[in-house]
Amino acid sequence: MYVSQGLVAHPLKKTEILTEIERLIENDVAGSPTSELKWCRKTPDSISDCLRQKHILICPNTASKLLKHMDYSLKVNRKMIAETRHPDRNQQFEIISAMKQYFRWLQEPIITVDSKKKELIGNFKNPGQKWSLNSEQVLTHEFRSQAVGMANPYGIYDLIRNKGFVVVGTSFDTPEFAVESIELWLNHYGFYNYKNVKRLLIMADAGGSNGYRPRLWKYALYNKICCVYNISVTVCHYPTGASKWNPTDHRLFSFITRNWAGEPLRSYEIILNLIRHTKTKKGLEVQAILNDKIYEKGVKINNEQFKRMNMKNHEMLPQWNYTIVPN
């Protein structure tokens, strides 16, 4: 592997090549929220071509081997070619990439958000294996009536600092819960690590509590974040059917799932401790707090309330990209 400078080719270290590839495919990576399986939209040929433009000379075969070394897989790409593929999918990925570069230049925080699947709290079997002298004795059946409660983890991933923040709710996963989780992130993490925050970029899935359709999601951002903290919030949604490209899944939830594999989630304290002890060699650290507030489902925002918001839809794909500013 070589980098060319003029007419002379100089050897380049493998770690330097891997770093360049990571930068190159940063916006083209998807993964499973329950395992470390990842896959990439770029082919080895396109990676080789892009590196050649930077005067780094590696062939497609070498690029393929390096991707495998980085735990990427091509097998799951078949799932991405589906009838639900949105025609504006690639354009939205390009918009998200450009928006991330802009906020990095501004040195303002960039977060991705998502809900993890609900977990029954009690002496129930948790999939996976762990090293121990004896097997954990758990109940044969998982009845809701025998559970201590229900855990609803909402993840917030700091894309710049590689840090996670999980709010474990005990109620419903509503837009209000999602926004108040982001508010908790700001007060417990954001304001301490980003001084004088004026803008916030949020990347979220197209559906769910933080989807682009619920009015309550946008109104709560305006009412609880923009107006209270005088912050402009820009939201970019991942295209419909592309939730696996959300970094919260494969950079946060996948490692949490692996960390608590085989551990019965008998109490909220256990689940919080397991999340807090999730770490990776690349520096991921996770904070976790409990939110036992009761949230109501089906809260509606009327036309008058919605018009009161100071929200500006972007010119490109306005249904997925918008900025909410304080009055």
Protein backbone atom coordinates (compact mmCIF):
# COMPACT_ATOMS: atom_id res chain seq x y z
CA MET A 1 0.00 0.00 0.00
CA TYR A 2 1.54 3.24 -1.13
CA VAL A 3 0.91 6.97 -1.26
CA SER A 4 2.25 8.67 -4.37
CA GLN A 5 4.06 12.00 -4.12
CA GLY A 6 5.12 13.24 -7.52
CA LEU A 7 6.95 10.43 -9.29
CA VAL A 8 7.93 8.60 -6.10
CA ALA A 9 5.66 6.16 -4.22
CA HIS A 10 6.09 5.98 -0.42
CA PRO A 11 4.80 3.14 1.79
CA LEU A 12 1.83 3.95 4.02
CA LYS A 13 1.04 2.24 7.32
CA LYS A 14 -2.01 -0.01 7.51
CA THR A 15 -3.50 2.05 10.36
CA GLU A 16 -3.26 5.18 8.22
CA ILE A 17 -5.06 3.44 5.36
CA LEU A 18 -7.81 2.23 7.72
CA THR A 19 -8.24 5.78 9.06
CA GLU A 20 -8.67 7.13 5.52
CA ILE A 21 -11.22 4.44 4.69
CA GLU A 22 -13.19 5.19 7.86
CA ARG A 23 -13.37 8.86 6.87
CA LEU A 24 -14.37 7.92 3.35
CA ILE A 25 -17.27 5.63 4.31
CA GLU A 26 -18.44 7.49 7.41
CA ASN A 27 -21.74 8.47 5.80
CA ASP A 28 -22.26 5.15 3.99
CA VAL A 29 -22.33 2.72 6.91
CA ALA A 30 -25.25 0.76 8.32
CA GLY A 31 -25.43 -1.93 10.98
CA SER A 32 -27.50 -4.09 13.26
CA PRO A 33 -28.65 -2.73 16.65
CA THR A 34 -28.29 -6.19 18.23
CA SER A 35 -24.87 -7.28 16.94
CA GLU A 36 -21.60 -5.89 15.57
CA LEU A 37 -22.54 -6.75 11.98
CA LYS A 38 -22.01 -3.75 9.68
CA TRP A 39 -22.26 -3.16 5.97
CA CYS A 40 -21.26 -0.41 3.57
CA ARG A 41 -22.86 1.23 0.53
CA LYS A 42 -19.52 1.82 -1.20
CA THR A 43 -17.94 -1.01 -3.19
CA PRO A 44 -14.22 -1.92 -3.02
CA ASP A 45 -13.84 -0.50 -6.54
CA SER A 46 -15.29 2.89 -5.56
CA ILE A 47 -13.16 2.96 -2.39
CA SER A 48 -10.06 2.22 -4.45
CA ASP A 49 -10.96 5.00 -6.92
CA CYS A 50 -11.62 7.55 -4.16
CA LEU A 51 -8.33 6.73 -2.43
CA ARG A 52 -6.49 7.02 -5.73
CA GLN A 53 -7.75 10.61 -5.98
CA LYS A 54 -5.94 11.20 -2.68
CA HIS A 55 -2.82 9.60 -4.17
CA ILE A 56 -3.23 6.46 -2.06
CA LEU A 57 -2.66 3.45 -4.30
CA ILE A 58 -4.52 0.28 -3.28
CA CYS A 59 -6.34 -2.16 -5.53
CA PRO A 60 -10.02 -3.19 -5.08
CA ASN A 61 -8.98 -6.59 -3.71
CA THR A 62 -6.95 -4.93 -0.97
CA ALA A 63 -9.83 -2.57 -0.23
CA SER A 64 -12.12 -5.59 0.14
CA LYS A 65 -9.71 -7.26 2.60
CA LEU A 66 -9.44 -4.07 4.63
CA LEU A 67 -13.25 -3.79 4.83
CA LYS A 68 -13.42 -7.34 6.16
CA HIS A 69 -10.70 -6.48 8.68
CA MET A 70 -12.92 -3.59 9.84
CA ASP A 71 -15.83 -6.06 10.37
CA TYR A 72 -17.89 -4.88 7.40
CA SER A 73 -20.04 -7.28 5.43
CA LEU A 74 -21.65 -7.28 1.99
CA LYS A 75 -24.14 -10.05 2.72
CA VAL A 76 -26.85 -7.82 4.14
CA ASN A 77 -26.86 -5.50 1.12
CA ARG A 78 -29.57 -7.70 -0.40
CA LYS A 79 -32.02 -6.40 2.21
CA MET A 80 -31.43 -2.82 1.12
CA ILE A 81 -32.74 -3.44 -2.42
CA ALA A 82 -36.42 -3.54 -1.56
CA GLU A 83 -39.73 -2.27 -2.83
CA THR A 84 -39.76 0.31 -0.02
CA ARG A 85 -36.64 2.02 -1.40
CA HIS A 86 -37.50 5.71 -1.62
CA PRO A 87 -36.61 7.52 -4.87
CA ASP A 88 -35.03 10.40 -2.90
CA ARG A 89 -32.95 8.07 -0.74
CA ASN A 90 -29.49 8.88 -2.13
CA GLN A 91 -30.20 12.60 -2.29
CA GLN A 92 -31.15 12.63 1.39
CA PHE A 93 -27.96 10.80 2.32
CA GLU A 94 -26.00 13.51 0.49
CA ILE A 95 -27.94 16.23 2.33
CA ILE A 96 -27.21 14.59 5.69
CA SER A 97 -23.52 14.32 4.81
CA ALA A 98 -23.32 17.99 3.82
CA MET A 99 -25.20 19.07 6.95
CA LYS A 100 -22.82 17.12 9.19
CA GLN A 101 -19.82 18.78 7.54
CA TYR A 102 -21.42 22.20 8.02
CA PHE A 103 -22.07 21.65 11.74
CA ARG A 104 -18.54 20.28 12.23
CA TRP A 105 -17.26 23.50 10.69
CA LEU A 106 -19.48 25.49 13.07
CA GLN A 107 -18.20 23.33 15.99
CA GLU A 108 -21.78 22.79 17.09
CA PRO A 109 -23.10 19.45 18.47
CA ILE A 110 -24.32 16.69 16.15
CA ILE A 111 -26.46 13.91 17.64
CA THR A 112 -28.34 10.92 16.30
CA VAL A 113 -31.35 9.62 18.21
CA ASP A 114 -33.39 6.43 18.23
CA SER A 115 -35.49 4.18 20.45
CA LYS A 116 -34.28 0.72 21.39
CA LYS A 117 -36.77 -2.13 21.65
CA LYS A 118 -38.66 -2.29 24.94
CA GLU A 119 -37.36 -4.69 27.59
CA LEU A 120 -39.35 -6.52 30.26
CA ILE A 121 -37.85 -5.93 33.71
CA GLY A 122 -37.89 -9.08 35.82
CA ASN A 123 -36.34 -12.52 36.25
CA PHE A 124 -36.63 -13.35 32.56
CA LYS A 125 -34.25 -14.89 30.04
CA ASN A 126 -32.08 -12.42 28.17
CA PRO A 127 -30.71 -13.76 24.85
CA GLY A 128 -26.98 -14.34 24.57
CA GLN A 129 -24.21 -16.01 26.54
CA LYS A 130 -21.78 -14.95 29.24
CA TRP A 131 -18.87 -16.50 31.09
CA SER A 132 -19.89 -17.72 34.56
CA LEU A 133 -19.57 -20.71 36.88
CA ASN A 134 -23.32 -21.41 36.96
CA SER A 135 -26.26 -20.69 34.67
CA GLU A 136 -28.75 -18.04 35.73
CA GLN A 137 -32.09 -19.46 36.89
CA VAL A 138 -34.92 -17.55 35.23
CA LEU A 139 -38.67 -17.96 34.80
CA THR A 140 -39.89 -20.38 32.15
CA HIS A 141 -42.35 -17.92 30.59
CA GLU A 142 -42.27 -14.17 30.08
CA PHE A 143 -45.62 -12.87 31.28
CA ARG A 144 -46.16 -9.12 31.48
CA SER A 145 -48.00 -9.62 34.78
CA GLN A 146 -44.84 -11.05 36.37
CA ALA A 147 -42.64 -8.14 35.27
CA VAL A 148 -41.43 -5.41 37.60
CA GLY A 149 -41.99 -2.96 34.78
CA MET A 150 -41.10 -2.09 31.21
CA ALA A 151 -37.87 -0.36 30.16
CA ASN A 152 -38.01 1.93 27.15
CA PRO A 153 -34.40 2.95 26.29
CA TYR A 154 -33.99 6.07 24.18
CA GLY A 155 -30.47 6.52 22.81
CA ILE A 156 -28.64 9.74 21.98
CA TYR A 157 -25.28 9.37 20.26
CA ASP A 158 -22.74 12.20 20.04
CA LEU A 159 -21.30 11.73 16.57
CA ILE A 160 -18.30 14.03 17.13
CA ARG A 161 -17.12 12.73 20.52
CA ASN A 162 -18.25 9.09 20.18
CA LYS A 163 -20.21 9.23 23.43
CA GLY A 164 -23.60 7.70 24.19
CA PHE A 165 -26.43 8.83 26.45
CA VAL A 166 -29.41 6.58 27.17
CA VAL A 167 -32.60 7.62 28.91
CA VAL A 168 -34.46 4.59 30.26
CA GLY A 169 -38.14 5.42 30.36
CA THR A 170 -40.77 3.51 32.30
CA SER A 171 -43.76 4.79 30.33
CA PHE A 172 -44.68 5.10 26.64
CA ASP A 173 -42.30 6.04 23.83
CA THR A 174 -44.00 9.29 22.79
CA PRO A 175 -42.65 12.36 20.96
CA GLU A 176 -42.71 14.25 24.26
CA PHE A 177 -40.57 11.54 25.88
CA ALA A 178 -38.12 11.70 22.97
CA VAL A 179 -37.72 15.48 23.21
CA GLU A 180 -37.39 15.46 27.00
CA SER A 181 -34.68 12.80 26.60
CA ILE A 182 -32.78 15.24 24.37
CA GLU A 183 -33.33 17.95 27.00
CA LEU A 184 -31.83 15.63 29.64
CA TRP A 185 -28.86 15.06 27.32
CA LEU A 186 -28.35 18.81 27.04
CA ASN A 187 -28.43 19.36 30.81
CA HIS A 188 -26.35 16.32 31.80
CA TYR A 189 -23.89 16.25 28.91
CA GLY A 190 -24.36 18.75 26.07
CA PHE A 191 -23.82 22.03 27.89
CA TYR A 192 -20.76 20.64 29.70
CA ASN A 193 -19.00 19.53 26.52
CA TYR A 194 -20.17 22.21 24.10
CA LYS A 195 -19.87 25.76 25.38
CA ASN A 196 -22.26 28.45 24.18
CA VAL A 197 -24.44 26.10 22.13
CA LYS A 198 -26.46 28.07 19.61
CA ARG A 199 -27.33 25.33 17.10
CA LEU A 200 -28.05 21.62 17.37
CA LEU A 201 -28.20 19.07 14.55
CA ILE A 202 -30.43 16.05 15.18
CA MET A 203 -30.52 13.06 12.85
CA ALA A 204 -33.46 10.73 13.38
CA ASP A 205 -35.41 7.96 11.69
CA ALA A 206 -38.33 8.82 9.45
CA GLY A 207 -40.82 7.05 11.73
CA GLY A 208 -41.51 6.41 15.39
CA SER A 209 -41.74 8.94 18.21
CA ASN A 210 -39.14 11.16 16.51
CA GLY A 211 -40.47 10.71 12.97
CA TYR A 212 -41.09 13.50 10.50
CA ARG A 213 -44.88 13.16 10.66
CA PRO A 214 -45.83 13.69 14.37
CA ARG A 215 -46.62 17.32 15.06
CA LEU A 216 -45.91 16.80 18.75
CA TRP A 217 -42.26 15.95 18.00
CA LYS A 218 -41.71 19.29 16.24
CA TYR A 219 -43.82 21.30 18.69
CA ALA A 220 -42.04 19.80 21.71
CA LEU A 221 -38.64 20.63 20.16
CA TYR A 222 -39.81 24.22 19.72
CA ASN A 223 -41.45 24.53 23.13
CA LYS A 224 -38.96 22.62 25.30
CA ILE A 225 -35.61 23.15 23.52
CA CYS A 226 -35.67 26.19 21.24
CA CYS A 227 -37.63 28.60 23.41
CA VAL A 228 -36.24 27.46 26.78
CA TYR A 229 -32.54 27.33 25.83
CA ASN A 230 -32.52 29.77 22.88
CA ILE A 231 -31.15 27.08 20.53
CA SER A 232 -31.89 26.62 16.84
CA VAL A 233 -32.58 22.95 16.11
CA THR A 234 -32.01 21.46 12.66
CA VAL A 235 -33.50 18.02 12.06
CA CYS A 236 -32.56 15.68 9.20
CA HIS A 237 -34.47 12.41 8.95
CA TYR A 238 -33.03 9.27 7.44
CA PRO A 239 -35.02 8.19 4.36
CA THR A 240 -37.97 5.86 4.74
CA GLY A 241 -36.77 2.27 5.07
CA ALA A 242 -33.20 3.29 5.99
CA SER A 243 -33.31 3.12 9.79
CA LYS A 244 -30.33 0.73 9.88
CA TRP A 245 -28.11 3.59 8.67
CA ASN A 246 -28.74 5.47 11.90
CA PRO A 247 -25.43 5.42 13.86
CA THR A 248 -27.36 5.09 17.13
CA ASP A 249 -28.13 1.51 16.10
CA HIS A 250 -24.69 0.23 15.14
CA ARG A 251 -22.46 2.56 17.17
CA LEU A 252 -24.40 2.50 20.46
CA PHE A 253 -27.22 -0.03 20.78
CA SER A 254 -25.24 -2.90 19.25
CA PHE A 255 -22.58 -2.63 21.96
CA ILE A 256 -25.16 -2.27 24.75
CA THR A 257 -26.91 -5.43 23.54
CA ARG A 258 -23.60 -7.28 23.46
CA ASN A 259 -22.64 -6.04 26.94
CA TRP A 260 -25.81 -7.27 28.64
CA ALA A 261 -26.10 -10.51 26.65
CA GLY A 262 -27.11 -13.36 28.95
CA GLU A 263 -27.78 -11.01 31.89
CA PRO A 264 -31.34 -11.15 33.24
CA LEU A 265 -32.63 -7.57 33.50
CA ARG A 266 -34.15 -8.00 36.95
CA SER A 267 -34.33 -4.33 37.94
CA TYR A 268 -33.97 -0.84 36.53
CA GLU A 269 -30.73 -0.42 38.51
CA ILE A 270 -29.24 -3.47 36.77
CA ILE A 271 -30.16 -2.22 33.31
CA LEU A 272 -28.72 1.24 34.08
CA ASN A 273 -25.45 -0.24 35.38
CA LEU A 274 -25.07 -2.51 32.35
CA ILE A 275 -25.58 0.43 30.01
CA ARG A 276 -23.10 2.59 31.96
CA HIS A 277 -20.44 -0.11 31.78
CA THR A 278 -20.64 -0.36 27.99
CA LYS A 279 -17.29 0.64 26.48
CA THR A 280 -15.32 -0.04 23.31
CA LYS A 281 -11.66 0.07 22.30
CA LYS A 282 -12.42 3.11 20.13
CA GLY A 283 -13.43 5.13 23.19
CA LEU A 284 -17.21 4.77 23.37
CA GLU A 285 -18.56 5.60 26.83
CA VAL A 286 -22.22 5.68 27.79
CA GLN A 287 -24.17 7.57 30.42
CA ALA A 288 -27.61 6.36 31.50
CA ILE A 289 -30.37 7.84 33.63
CA LEU A 290 -33.88 6.77 34.56
CA ASN A 291 -36.98 8.77 33.60
CA ASP A 292 -40.02 7.52 35.52
CA LYS A 293 -42.36 10.26 34.29
CA ILE A 294 -45.70 9.04 32.93
CA TYR A 295 -46.36 10.10 29.32
CA GLU A 296 -49.76 10.14 27.67
CA LYS A 297 -50.33 8.67 24.25
CA GLY A 298 -52.34 10.42 21.56
CA VAL A 299 -51.58 14.05 22.51
CA LYS A 300 -52.63 16.27 19.60
CA ILE A 301 -51.25 19.63 18.46
CA ASN A 302 -53.90 21.81 16.83
CA ASN A 303 -53.40 24.08 13.82
CA GLU A 304 -53.10 27.23 15.94
CA GLN A 305 -50.33 25.75 18.08
CA PHE A 306 -48.52 24.42 15.02
CA LYS A 307 -48.63 27.75 13.19
CA ARG A 308 -47.23 29.47 16.29
CA MET A 309 -43.97 27.58 15.80
CA ASN A 310 -41.08 29.30 14.09
CA MET A 311 -40.20 26.40 11.77
CA LYS A 312 -38.56 26.70 8.38
CA ASN A 313 -38.64 23.78 5.96
CA HIS A 314 -35.51 23.44 3.84
CA GLU A 315 -35.69 23.84 0.07
CA MET A 316 -34.33 20.34 -0.59
CA LEU A 317 -36.66 17.53 0.54
CA PRO A 318 -38.52 19.76 3.05
CA GLN A 319 -40.50 16.84 4.51
CA TRP A 320 -37.26 15.39 5.94
CA ASN A 321 -35.21 18.54 6.59
CA TYR A 322 -36.27 21.52 8.67
CA THR A 323 -34.96 24.02 11.20
CA ILE A 324 -36.87 25.22 14.25
CA VAL A 325 -35.73 28.51 15.75
CA PRO A 326 -36.74 30.36 18.94
CA ASN A 327 -38.81 33.51 18.65
